[in-house]
N, C-alpha and C. Protein backbone atom coordinates (compact mmCIF):
# COMPACT_ATOMS: atom_id res chain seq x y z
N MET A 1 20.10 7.28 25.66
CA MET A 1 19.14 6.21 25.43
C MET A 1 17.82 6.86 25.03
N LYS A 2 17.33 7.86 25.80
CA LYS A 2 16.10 8.56 25.52
C LYS A 2 16.12 9.25 24.15
N GLY A 3 17.30 9.77 23.85
CA GLY A 3 17.46 10.50 22.59
C GLY A 3 17.34 9.50 21.40
N SER A 4 17.91 8.33 21.53
CA SER A 4 17.79 7.39 20.41
C SER A 4 16.41 6.86 20.28
N ILE A 5 15.70 6.69 21.34
CA ILE A 5 14.22 6.28 21.25
C ILE A 5 13.42 7.33 20.61
N PHE A 6 13.70 8.62 20.93
CA PHE A 6 13.00 9.71 20.27
C PHE A 6 13.29 9.78 18.73
N LEU A 7 14.56 9.47 18.35
CA LEU A 7 14.93 9.47 16.96
C LEU A 7 14.22 8.30 16.18
N ILE A 8 14.17 7.18 16.82
CA ILE A 8 13.47 6.02 16.20
C ILE A 8 11.97 6.38 16.06
N ILE A 9 11.40 6.88 17.00
CA ILE A 9 9.91 7.23 16.92
C ILE A 9 9.72 8.33 15.82
N ALA A 10 10.59 9.26 15.79
CA ALA A 10 10.51 10.35 14.78
C ALA A 10 10.70 9.74 13.39
N PHE A 11 11.66 8.86 13.27
CA PHE A 11 11.91 8.22 11.95
C PHE A 11 10.69 7.43 11.45
N ILE A 12 10.17 6.67 12.38
CA ILE A 12 9.01 5.83 12.04
C ILE A 12 7.76 6.69 11.66
N ALA A 13 7.60 7.86 12.35
CA ALA A 13 6.52 8.76 12.09
C ALA A 13 6.66 9.39 10.73
N THR A 14 7.93 9.72 10.32
CA THR A 14 8.08 10.38 9.05
C THR A 14 8.02 9.33 7.86
N CYS A 15 8.36 8.12 8.17
CA CYS A 15 8.33 7.08 7.11
C CYS A 15 6.86 6.78 6.69
N PHE A 16 5.93 6.80 7.62
CA PHE A 16 4.62 6.47 7.28
C PHE A 16 3.69 7.70 7.05
N ALA A 17 4.27 8.84 6.87
CA ALA A 17 3.54 10.11 6.82
C ALA A 17 2.78 10.15 5.47
N ASN A 18 3.19 9.43 4.47
CA ASN A 18 2.55 9.70 3.19
C ASN A 18 1.81 8.45 2.58
N THR A 19 1.41 7.53 3.48
CA THR A 19 0.72 6.32 3.06
C THR A 19 -0.46 6.12 3.93
N GLU A 20 -1.60 5.88 3.30
CA GLU A 20 -2.81 5.50 3.99
C GLU A 20 -3.26 4.15 3.42
N LYS A 21 -3.78 3.28 4.23
CA LYS A 21 -4.30 1.98 3.61
C LYS A 21 -5.51 1.54 4.35
N LEU A 22 -6.27 0.73 3.64
CA LEU A 22 -7.41 0.12 4.06
C LEU A 22 -7.41 -1.38 3.82
N ILE A 23 -7.53 -2.20 4.86
CA ILE A 23 -7.56 -3.65 4.76
C ILE A 23 -9.02 -4.00 4.58
N LEU A 24 -9.38 -4.67 3.50
CA LEU A 24 -10.74 -4.98 3.15
C LEU A 24 -10.93 -6.46 3.12
N GLU A 25 -11.88 -7.04 3.87
CA GLU A 25 -12.20 -8.45 3.77
C GLU A 25 -13.49 -8.51 2.95
N ALA A 26 -13.50 -9.06 1.73
CA ALA A 26 -14.62 -9.14 0.94
C ALA A 26 -15.60 -10.24 1.47
N ARG A 27 -16.73 -9.79 1.94
CA ARG A 27 -17.70 -10.70 2.51
C ARG A 27 -19.00 -10.48 1.71
N GLY A 28 -19.56 -11.51 1.21
CA GLY A 28 -20.79 -11.48 0.49
C GLY A 28 -21.99 -11.99 1.21
N ASP A 29 -21.88 -12.22 2.56
CA ASP A 29 -22.96 -12.79 3.26
C ASP A 29 -24.23 -12.06 3.24
N ASN A 30 -24.19 -10.69 3.39
CA ASN A 30 -25.39 -9.91 3.48
C ASN A 30 -25.62 -9.08 2.21
N ILE A 31 -24.90 -9.34 1.17
CA ILE A 31 -25.06 -8.52 -0.08
C ILE A 31 -26.01 -9.26 -0.97
N LYS A 32 -27.10 -8.54 -1.31
CA LYS A 32 -28.04 -9.11 -2.26
C LYS A 32 -28.10 -8.42 -3.56
N ASP A 33 -27.68 -7.13 -3.56
CA ASP A 33 -27.85 -6.31 -4.80
C ASP A 33 -26.87 -6.77 -5.92
N LEU A 34 -27.37 -6.65 -7.11
CA LEU A 34 -26.51 -6.84 -8.32
C LEU A 34 -25.92 -5.49 -8.68
N CYS A 35 -24.68 -5.56 -9.20
CA CYS A 35 -24.04 -4.28 -9.54
C CYS A 35 -24.38 -3.67 -10.81
N GLY A 36 -24.47 -2.38 -10.85
CA GLY A 36 -24.59 -1.62 -12.12
C GLY A 36 -23.35 -0.66 -12.14
N ILE A 37 -22.34 -1.05 -12.95
CA ILE A 37 -21.09 -0.33 -12.91
C ILE A 37 -21.22 0.97 -13.75
N ASP A 38 -20.90 2.12 -13.18
CA ASP A 38 -20.80 3.35 -13.90
C ASP A 38 -19.46 3.41 -14.65
N SER A 39 -19.54 3.52 -15.92
CA SER A 39 -18.29 3.43 -16.75
C SER A 39 -17.37 4.59 -16.59
N ASN A 40 -17.85 5.71 -16.02
CA ASN A 40 -17.06 6.88 -15.80
C ASN A 40 -16.07 6.76 -14.67
N ASP A 41 -16.36 5.92 -13.71
CA ASP A 41 -15.42 5.72 -12.52
C ASP A 41 -14.33 4.76 -12.90
N PRO A 42 -13.05 4.99 -12.52
CA PRO A 42 -11.94 4.07 -12.79
C PRO A 42 -12.18 2.75 -11.98
N THR A 43 -11.69 1.67 -12.52
CA THR A 43 -11.84 0.36 -11.92
C THR A 43 -10.55 -0.22 -11.49
N LEU A 44 -10.49 -0.85 -10.34
CA LEU A 44 -9.35 -1.56 -9.83
C LEU A 44 -9.67 -2.99 -9.65
N THR A 45 -8.84 -3.95 -10.14
CA THR A 45 -9.13 -5.30 -10.07
C THR A 45 -7.93 -6.10 -9.47
N PRO A 46 -8.14 -7.17 -8.68
CA PRO A 46 -7.05 -7.93 -8.19
C PRO A 46 -6.36 -8.73 -9.34
N PRO A 47 -5.17 -9.21 -9.23
CA PRO A 47 -4.41 -9.26 -8.03
C PRO A 47 -3.66 -7.94 -7.75
N TYR A 48 -3.42 -7.14 -8.75
CA TYR A 48 -2.65 -5.88 -8.49
C TYR A 48 -3.11 -4.90 -9.58
N THR A 49 -3.54 -3.71 -9.11
CA THR A 49 -3.85 -2.63 -9.97
C THR A 49 -3.35 -1.32 -9.40
N LYS A 50 -2.81 -0.43 -10.18
CA LYS A 50 -2.26 0.89 -9.75
C LYS A 50 -2.84 1.98 -10.59
N ILE A 51 -3.37 3.05 -10.00
CA ILE A 51 -3.89 4.15 -10.68
C ILE A 51 -3.23 5.40 -10.21
N GLN A 52 -2.85 6.31 -11.03
CA GLN A 52 -2.33 7.58 -10.51
C GLN A 52 -3.36 8.66 -10.85
N GLU A 53 -3.80 9.44 -9.91
CA GLU A 53 -4.81 10.48 -10.06
C GLU A 53 -4.34 11.70 -9.28
N SER A 54 -5.13 12.80 -9.36
CA SER A 54 -4.96 13.96 -8.52
C SER A 54 -6.30 14.47 -8.12
N LEU A 55 -6.30 15.07 -6.99
CA LEU A 55 -7.58 15.74 -6.48
C LEU A 55 -7.27 16.91 -5.68
N ILE A 56 -8.23 17.82 -5.60
CA ILE A 56 -8.09 19.01 -4.78
C ILE A 56 -8.64 18.74 -3.38
N PRO A 57 -7.82 18.88 -2.39
CA PRO A 57 -8.27 18.63 -0.98
C PRO A 57 -9.36 19.60 -0.51
N HIS A 58 -10.18 19.17 0.49
CA HIS A 58 -11.15 20.06 1.13
C HIS A 58 -10.42 21.04 2.01
N SER A 59 -10.77 22.26 2.02
CA SER A 59 -10.15 23.31 2.89
C SER A 59 -11.19 24.27 3.28
N GLU A 60 -10.74 25.37 3.94
CA GLU A 60 -11.68 26.41 4.35
C GLU A 60 -12.39 27.09 3.18
N ASN A 61 -11.57 27.24 2.09
CA ASN A 61 -12.01 27.98 0.90
C ASN A 61 -12.52 27.09 -0.25
N ASN A 62 -12.50 25.78 0.02
CA ASN A 62 -12.87 24.83 -1.10
C ASN A 62 -13.53 23.61 -0.54
N GLU A 63 -14.54 23.19 -1.22
CA GLU A 63 -15.19 21.87 -0.88
C GLU A 63 -14.44 20.66 -1.12
N GLY A 64 -13.49 20.78 -2.08
CA GLY A 64 -12.69 19.57 -2.41
C GLY A 64 -13.45 18.69 -3.44
N THR A 65 -12.75 17.76 -4.03
CA THR A 65 -13.34 16.94 -5.05
C THR A 65 -13.10 15.46 -4.72
N PRO A 66 -13.93 14.77 -4.04
CA PRO A 66 -13.69 13.31 -3.83
C PRO A 66 -13.86 12.53 -5.07
N HIS A 67 -13.08 11.51 -5.17
CA HIS A 67 -13.05 10.62 -6.34
C HIS A 67 -13.67 9.28 -5.92
N ARG A 68 -14.29 8.59 -6.88
CA ARG A 68 -14.90 7.21 -6.63
C ARG A 68 -14.28 6.25 -7.55
N TYR A 69 -14.08 5.05 -7.01
CA TYR A 69 -13.45 3.97 -7.79
C TYR A 69 -14.27 2.72 -7.55
N HIS A 70 -14.27 1.84 -8.55
CA HIS A 70 -14.90 0.55 -8.45
C HIS A 70 -13.82 -0.50 -8.17
N LEU A 71 -13.95 -1.25 -7.11
CA LEU A 71 -13.15 -2.41 -6.82
C LEU A 71 -13.90 -3.56 -7.28
N THR A 72 -13.48 -4.17 -8.39
CA THR A 72 -14.24 -5.28 -8.94
C THR A 72 -13.53 -6.62 -9.00
N GLY A 73 -14.25 -7.73 -9.11
CA GLY A 73 -13.56 -8.98 -9.23
C GLY A 73 -12.98 -9.53 -7.89
N LEU A 74 -13.57 -9.05 -6.75
CA LEU A 74 -13.12 -9.52 -5.44
C LEU A 74 -13.81 -10.82 -5.10
N ASN A 75 -13.03 -11.76 -4.70
CA ASN A 75 -13.54 -13.10 -4.29
C ASN A 75 -14.08 -13.07 -2.85
N ASP A 76 -15.16 -13.66 -2.64
CA ASP A 76 -15.82 -13.75 -1.33
C ASP A 76 -14.87 -14.46 -0.30
N GLY A 77 -14.66 -13.80 0.87
CA GLY A 77 -13.79 -14.35 1.89
C GLY A 77 -12.33 -14.01 1.73
N SER A 78 -11.91 -13.30 0.73
CA SER A 78 -10.51 -13.00 0.48
C SER A 78 -10.24 -11.59 1.10
N ASN A 79 -8.91 -11.39 1.45
CA ASN A 79 -8.50 -10.07 1.94
C ASN A 79 -7.80 -9.30 0.87
N TYR A 80 -8.03 -7.96 0.91
CA TYR A 80 -7.34 -7.06 -0.03
C TYR A 80 -6.84 -5.82 0.75
N GLU A 81 -5.82 -5.22 0.12
CA GLU A 81 -5.26 -4.02 0.73
C GLU A 81 -5.49 -2.89 -0.32
N VAL A 82 -6.08 -1.79 0.04
CA VAL A 82 -6.21 -0.61 -0.76
C VAL A 82 -5.26 0.38 -0.15
N ARG A 83 -4.28 0.83 -0.88
CA ARG A 83 -3.23 1.74 -0.40
C ARG A 83 -3.16 2.95 -1.25
N ILE A 84 -2.98 4.05 -0.55
CA ILE A 84 -2.83 5.36 -1.23
C ILE A 84 -1.53 5.96 -0.82
N SER A 85 -0.69 6.39 -1.74
CA SER A 85 0.61 7.00 -1.49
C SER A 85 0.62 8.37 -2.21
N TYR A 86 1.25 9.32 -1.45
CA TYR A 86 1.32 10.66 -1.99
C TYR A 86 2.56 11.27 -1.45
N PRO A 87 2.99 12.35 -2.14
CA PRO A 87 4.26 12.98 -1.67
C PRO A 87 4.22 13.47 -0.26
N ALA A 88 5.37 13.24 0.46
CA ALA A 88 5.39 13.57 1.89
C ALA A 88 5.28 15.11 2.11
N ILE A 89 5.66 15.87 1.06
CA ILE A 89 5.57 17.33 1.19
C ILE A 89 4.17 17.88 1.05
N THR A 90 3.28 17.03 0.79
CA THR A 90 1.88 17.42 0.54
C THR A 90 1.18 17.65 1.90
N PRO A 91 0.65 18.81 2.18
CA PRO A 91 -0.02 18.97 3.49
C PRO A 91 -1.49 18.56 3.41
N ALA A 92 -1.72 17.29 3.31
CA ALA A 92 -3.11 16.72 3.16
C ALA A 92 -3.16 15.42 3.86
N ASP A 93 -4.38 15.17 4.46
CA ASP A 93 -4.68 13.84 4.97
C ASP A 93 -5.73 13.20 4.05
N PHE A 94 -5.47 11.97 3.58
CA PHE A 94 -6.35 11.27 2.74
C PHE A 94 -7.26 10.37 3.53
N LYS A 95 -8.45 10.19 3.03
CA LYS A 95 -9.40 9.25 3.68
C LYS A 95 -9.93 8.31 2.64
N LEU A 96 -10.00 7.00 2.99
CA LEU A 96 -10.49 5.96 2.15
C LEU A 96 -11.79 5.45 2.81
N LYS A 97 -12.82 5.31 2.06
CA LYS A 97 -14.12 4.89 2.58
C LYS A 97 -14.86 4.08 1.55
N THR A 98 -15.33 2.88 1.98
CA THR A 98 -16.16 2.04 1.12
C THR A 98 -17.58 2.53 1.23
N LEU A 99 -18.26 2.84 0.13
CA LEU A 99 -19.62 3.36 0.16
C LEU A 99 -20.68 2.26 0.05
N ARG A 100 -20.44 1.27 -0.79
CA ARG A 100 -21.43 0.33 -1.09
C ARG A 100 -20.80 -1.00 -1.65
N ALA A 101 -21.44 -2.08 -1.45
CA ALA A 101 -20.94 -3.40 -1.94
C ALA A 101 -22.14 -4.03 -2.72
N CYS A 102 -21.78 -4.79 -3.76
CA CYS A 102 -22.71 -5.50 -4.49
C CYS A 102 -22.09 -6.74 -5.14
N LYS A 103 -22.97 -7.63 -5.65
CA LYS A 103 -22.48 -8.85 -6.29
C LYS A 103 -22.56 -8.67 -7.80
N SER A 104 -21.51 -9.18 -8.49
CA SER A 104 -21.43 -9.15 -9.92
C SER A 104 -22.13 -10.30 -10.50
N LYS A 105 -22.39 -10.34 -11.82
CA LYS A 105 -23.00 -11.48 -12.45
C LYS A 105 -22.16 -12.76 -12.37
N ASP A 106 -20.89 -12.57 -12.32
CA ASP A 106 -19.97 -13.70 -12.25
C ASP A 106 -19.71 -14.20 -10.83
N THR A 107 -20.52 -13.82 -9.92
CA THR A 107 -20.50 -14.16 -8.39
C THR A 107 -19.34 -13.55 -7.65
N THR A 108 -18.55 -12.70 -8.27
CA THR A 108 -17.53 -11.93 -7.45
C THR A 108 -18.19 -10.75 -6.86
N LEU A 109 -17.49 -10.07 -5.98
CA LEU A 109 -17.97 -8.93 -5.27
C LEU A 109 -17.39 -7.66 -5.82
N SER A 110 -18.11 -6.57 -5.71
CA SER A 110 -17.62 -5.28 -6.08
C SER A 110 -17.90 -4.26 -5.00
N TYR A 111 -17.01 -3.34 -4.84
CA TYR A 111 -17.19 -2.24 -3.85
C TYR A 111 -16.95 -0.92 -4.54
N ILE A 112 -17.65 0.09 -3.97
CA ILE A 112 -17.40 1.45 -4.45
C ILE A 112 -16.58 2.11 -3.36
N LEU A 113 -15.41 2.62 -3.74
CA LEU A 113 -14.49 3.28 -2.84
C LEU A 113 -14.51 4.75 -3.10
N GLU A 114 -14.54 5.53 -2.03
CA GLU A 114 -14.42 7.00 -2.19
C GLU A 114 -13.08 7.44 -1.53
N VAL A 115 -12.37 8.23 -2.32
CA VAL A 115 -11.10 8.84 -1.81
C VAL A 115 -11.25 10.36 -1.73
N SER A 116 -11.02 10.84 -0.52
CA SER A 116 -11.05 12.27 -0.31
C SER A 116 -9.87 12.79 0.41
N ALA A 117 -9.59 14.01 0.44
CA ALA A 117 -8.44 14.61 1.16
C ALA A 117 -8.87 15.88 1.89
N ILE A 118 -8.19 16.12 2.95
CA ILE A 118 -8.39 17.38 3.76
C ILE A 118 -7.10 18.12 3.83
N TYR A 119 -7.12 19.33 3.41
CA TYR A 119 -5.90 20.20 3.44
C TYR A 119 -5.55 20.43 4.92
N THR A 120 -4.32 20.10 5.29
CA THR A 120 -3.93 20.23 6.79
C THR A 120 -2.88 21.19 7.03
N GLY A 121 -2.29 21.87 6.06
CA GLY A 121 -1.16 22.67 6.21
C GLY A 121 -1.50 24.19 6.28
N VAL A 122 -0.55 24.95 6.65
CA VAL A 122 -0.66 26.44 6.55
C VAL A 122 0.52 26.88 5.67
N SER A 123 0.12 27.53 4.55
CA SER A 123 1.18 27.88 3.58
C SER A 123 1.17 29.43 3.44
N TYR A 124 2.37 29.97 3.27
CA TYR A 124 2.49 31.41 2.98
C TYR A 124 2.16 31.69 1.48
N ILE A 125 2.11 30.64 0.63
CA ILE A 125 1.79 30.77 -0.72
C ILE A 125 0.32 30.89 -0.90
N LYS A 126 -0.17 31.96 -1.42
CA LYS A 126 -1.60 32.18 -1.58
C LYS A 126 -2.17 31.16 -2.57
N GLY A 127 -3.28 30.51 -2.19
CA GLY A 127 -3.94 29.58 -3.11
C GLY A 127 -3.35 28.17 -3.12
N LYS A 128 -2.39 27.87 -2.25
CA LYS A 128 -1.79 26.58 -2.25
C LYS A 128 -2.80 25.45 -1.99
N GLU A 129 -3.80 25.79 -1.15
CA GLU A 129 -4.84 24.75 -0.76
C GLU A 129 -5.75 24.48 -2.02
N LEU A 130 -5.70 25.23 -3.02
CA LEU A 130 -6.48 24.97 -4.19
C LEU A 130 -5.83 24.15 -5.24
N GLN A 131 -4.54 23.86 -5.05
CA GLN A 131 -3.79 23.06 -6.01
C GLN A 131 -4.03 21.58 -5.88
N PRO A 132 -4.21 20.82 -6.92
CA PRO A 132 -4.42 19.40 -6.87
C PRO A 132 -3.23 18.60 -6.23
N VAL A 133 -3.53 17.58 -5.59
CA VAL A 133 -2.54 16.66 -4.94
C VAL A 133 -2.54 15.35 -5.81
N THR A 134 -1.35 14.99 -6.23
CA THR A 134 -1.21 13.76 -7.03
C THR A 134 -1.03 12.54 -6.05
N TYR A 135 -1.67 11.41 -6.34
CA TYR A 135 -1.49 10.27 -5.50
C TYR A 135 -1.58 9.05 -6.31
N ASP A 136 -1.09 7.91 -5.79
CA ASP A 136 -1.14 6.60 -6.35
C ASP A 136 -2.11 5.76 -5.54
N LEU A 137 -3.05 5.10 -6.23
CA LEU A 137 -4.00 4.17 -5.52
C LEU A 137 -3.72 2.82 -6.02
N VAL A 138 -3.55 1.89 -5.09
CA VAL A 138 -3.18 0.50 -5.41
C VAL A 138 -4.15 -0.47 -4.74
N LEU A 139 -4.57 -1.45 -5.46
CA LEU A 139 -5.36 -2.57 -4.88
C LEU A 139 -4.49 -3.82 -5.07
N GLU A 140 -4.33 -4.50 -3.97
CA GLU A 140 -3.48 -5.80 -3.92
C GLU A 140 -4.25 -6.91 -3.17
N ASN A 141 -4.09 -8.10 -3.65
CA ASN A 141 -4.47 -9.28 -2.86
C ASN A 141 -3.60 -9.38 -1.62
N LEU A 142 -4.21 -9.90 -0.52
CA LEU A 142 -3.46 -10.25 0.60
C LEU A 142 -3.58 -11.78 0.80
N TYR A 143 -2.49 -12.47 0.81
CA TYR A 143 -2.51 -13.93 1.01
C TYR A 143 -2.24 -14.26 2.47
N ALA A 144 -3.00 -15.22 3.02
CA ALA A 144 -2.97 -15.58 4.43
C ALA A 144 -3.26 -14.34 5.24
N GLY A 145 -3.97 -13.39 4.76
CA GLY A 145 -4.43 -12.22 5.55
C GLY A 145 -3.40 -11.14 5.70
N VAL A 146 -2.10 -11.42 5.38
CA VAL A 146 -1.05 -10.36 5.61
C VAL A 146 -0.04 -10.18 4.52
N PHE A 147 0.16 -11.20 3.67
CA PHE A 147 1.18 -11.15 2.59
C PHE A 147 0.61 -10.61 1.35
N PHE A 148 1.26 -9.49 0.87
CA PHE A 148 0.73 -8.80 -0.32
C PHE A 148 1.14 -9.58 -1.61
N TYR A 149 0.66 -9.20 -2.71
CA TYR A 149 0.74 -9.86 -4.02
C TYR A 149 2.12 -10.07 -4.43
N GLN A 150 3.02 -9.13 -4.28
CA GLN A 150 4.34 -9.23 -4.86
C GLN A 150 5.37 -9.65 -3.82
N VAL A 151 4.93 -10.28 -2.69
CA VAL A 151 5.87 -10.71 -1.63
C VAL A 151 6.78 -11.82 -2.13
N TYR A 152 6.33 -12.58 -3.23
CA TYR A 152 7.18 -13.64 -3.64
C TYR A 152 8.53 -13.24 -4.10
N LYS A 153 8.68 -11.98 -4.62
CA LYS A 153 9.94 -11.46 -5.00
C LYS A 153 10.92 -11.35 -3.81
N ILE A 154 10.33 -10.85 -2.72
CA ILE A 154 11.15 -10.74 -1.49
C ILE A 154 11.57 -12.10 -0.97
N VAL A 155 10.60 -13.00 -0.96
CA VAL A 155 10.87 -14.41 -0.47
C VAL A 155 11.98 -15.10 -1.31
N ILE A 156 11.93 -14.91 -2.66
CA ILE A 156 12.94 -15.47 -3.49
C ILE A 156 14.31 -14.84 -3.23
N ALA A 157 14.34 -13.51 -3.08
CA ALA A 157 15.63 -12.84 -2.76
C ALA A 157 16.22 -13.28 -1.41
N ILE A 158 15.39 -13.46 -0.40
CA ILE A 158 15.88 -13.86 0.89
C ILE A 158 16.36 -15.26 0.87
N ALA A 159 15.60 -16.19 0.20
CA ALA A 159 16.00 -17.61 0.03
C ALA A 159 17.34 -17.68 -0.72
N SER A 160 17.51 -16.87 -1.82
CA SER A 160 18.70 -16.88 -2.56
C SER A 160 19.92 -16.48 -1.74
N VAL A 161 19.77 -15.44 -0.92
CA VAL A 161 20.83 -14.97 -0.14
C VAL A 161 21.24 -15.98 0.96
N ILE A 162 20.24 -16.64 1.55
CA ILE A 162 20.52 -17.69 2.55
C ILE A 162 21.21 -18.86 1.90
N CYS A 163 20.75 -19.30 0.78
CA CYS A 163 21.41 -20.45 0.11
C CYS A 163 22.81 -20.10 -0.29
N LEU A 164 22.99 -18.90 -0.81
CA LEU A 164 24.37 -18.48 -1.26
C LEU A 164 25.31 -18.43 -0.03
N GLY A 165 24.81 -17.96 1.03
CA GLY A 165 25.68 -17.98 2.29
C GLY A 165 25.93 -19.33 2.81
N GLN A 166 24.90 -20.15 2.86
CA GLN A 166 25.03 -21.47 3.44
C GLN A 166 25.88 -22.41 2.62
N PHE A 167 25.68 -22.43 1.34
CA PHE A 167 26.34 -23.41 0.48
C PHE A 167 27.63 -22.90 -0.23
N LEU A 168 27.83 -21.61 -0.29
CA LEU A 168 29.09 -21.12 -0.96
C LEU A 168 29.95 -20.28 -0.01
N LEU A 169 29.43 -19.30 0.63
CA LEU A 169 30.18 -18.39 1.40
C LEU A 169 30.77 -19.03 2.67
N ILE A 170 29.96 -19.70 3.44
CA ILE A 170 30.41 -20.35 4.73
C ILE A 170 31.49 -21.41 4.46
N PRO A 171 31.30 -22.35 3.51
CA PRO A 171 32.34 -23.25 3.24
C PRO A 171 33.67 -22.64 2.74
N TYR A 172 33.55 -21.58 1.96
CA TYR A 172 34.74 -20.87 1.44
C TYR A 172 35.54 -20.25 2.66
N VAL A 173 34.80 -19.50 3.50
CA VAL A 173 35.38 -18.93 4.73
C VAL A 173 36.06 -19.95 5.62
N LYS A 174 35.37 -21.11 5.81
CA LYS A 174 35.95 -22.19 6.62
C LYS A 174 37.17 -22.74 6.02
N GLN A 175 37.22 -22.85 4.70
CA GLN A 175 38.45 -23.33 4.03
C GLN A 175 39.53 -22.35 4.15
N LEU A 176 39.31 -21.08 4.10
CA LEU A 176 40.24 -20.09 4.25
C LEU A 176 40.85 -20.04 5.65
N ILE A 177 39.96 -20.26 6.65
CA ILE A 177 40.45 -20.27 8.06
C ILE A 177 41.32 -21.50 8.34
N THR A 178 40.89 -22.66 7.86
CA THR A 178 41.72 -23.85 8.10
C THR A 178 42.99 -23.80 7.27
N THR A 179 43.03 -23.26 6.06
CA THR A 179 44.30 -23.12 5.33
C THR A 179 45.27 -22.19 6.02
N LYS A 180 44.71 -21.01 6.46
CA LYS A 180 45.58 -20.04 7.20
C LYS A 180 46.04 -20.66 8.50
N ASP A 181 45.18 -21.38 9.20
CA ASP A 181 45.62 -22.01 10.46
C ASP A 181 46.69 -23.09 10.18
N ALA A 182 46.57 -23.84 9.13
CA ALA A 182 47.62 -24.85 8.81
C ALA A 182 48.96 -24.16 8.41
N ASP A 183 48.84 -23.08 7.68
CA ASP A 183 50.06 -22.34 7.28
C ASP A 183 50.69 -21.70 8.51
N TYR A 184 49.94 -21.27 9.43
CA TYR A 184 50.41 -20.64 10.64
C TYR A 184 51.22 -21.62 11.54
N ARG A 185 50.66 -22.84 11.61
CA ARG A 185 51.33 -23.89 12.42
C ARG A 185 52.68 -24.34 11.83
N ILE A 186 52.86 -24.30 10.61
CA ILE A 186 54.15 -24.67 10.00
C ILE A 186 55.15 -23.68 10.21
């Protein structure tokens, strides 16, 4: 029993080892500044945007190179998930931090997001900590505070399987059972 609990905990820990996320509630209550977007920084917009980038993590021998992104077109009072995924073999911890918020001319909100990484491994390969780490950065709407943008695909798949089982598979199995039962009695 204790062994299986340990395996479950180890499995869960390894599954989430390469994803960091930030749940952001866009609130414009105290924001008065208008945005001036720097065109050099990549932009992420809802309902779904994905960018693949790479950066060099901070280490003893290197300051690292944090990247900045603009999260634009966010509606006041809505929830968003900013998720970063990277290879599990990468010995780095990523950090997501919102630096500043402002209002756009079209009354939506914008945030400046900083992505940085810290090298956490010890490698026998010289200079490994100086190599860039590739990552995917995703911005998604959250509906009802928890459901992400593409959840409708999962809902449709689950509903299809339930309907298929309820209206086709179960009646067919019942018919087979009653037919076999009638044949057995004769």
